[in-house]
Amino acid sequence: MTEPVTTNATVATAGVAVLSLFPGVDAAVVMGAFAGAGVFVLASDDLAPFKRLAFFLISFVAGCLSARLAADLIGWALPQRIQVNAAVGALVASAVIIKLLMWLIRRAANPEKLFDAFKGGPKP
């Protein structure tokens, strides 16, 4: 009998492989988003299993959709305009996007603090 972790990993890998066969879908971006979502879920041990699954799916989709933008931002931050692959952008975007959205949601509860952070601190 196989272990549940091995079975889940096999099913997930097969699902990513099938998804990358569709026309117009970059296989490297799909794999990068999958890896980034996995990193996020493995790093967040304080979440319930259902929330982990939901955040994994949201992170995976967001990583696929924002791969090119994240790659361009990473390339802009690196010296001499180094070309960054979209797969790297997908990995970074899917690993960071949920934390960024959760931070923005917490800040949205008090919009004055959000604007203070952009202005350089609270006014006396």
Foldseek 3Di string as FASTA:
>chain_A
DDDPVVVVVVVVVVVLVVVCPDPPQPSLQLVLQLQLLVVQLVVPPPDDPVVSVVLSVVLSVQLRVCLVVQQQVVLVPDPPSDRGDSSPSSNVSSNCVVVVVVVVVVCVVPVVVVVQVVVPHDDD
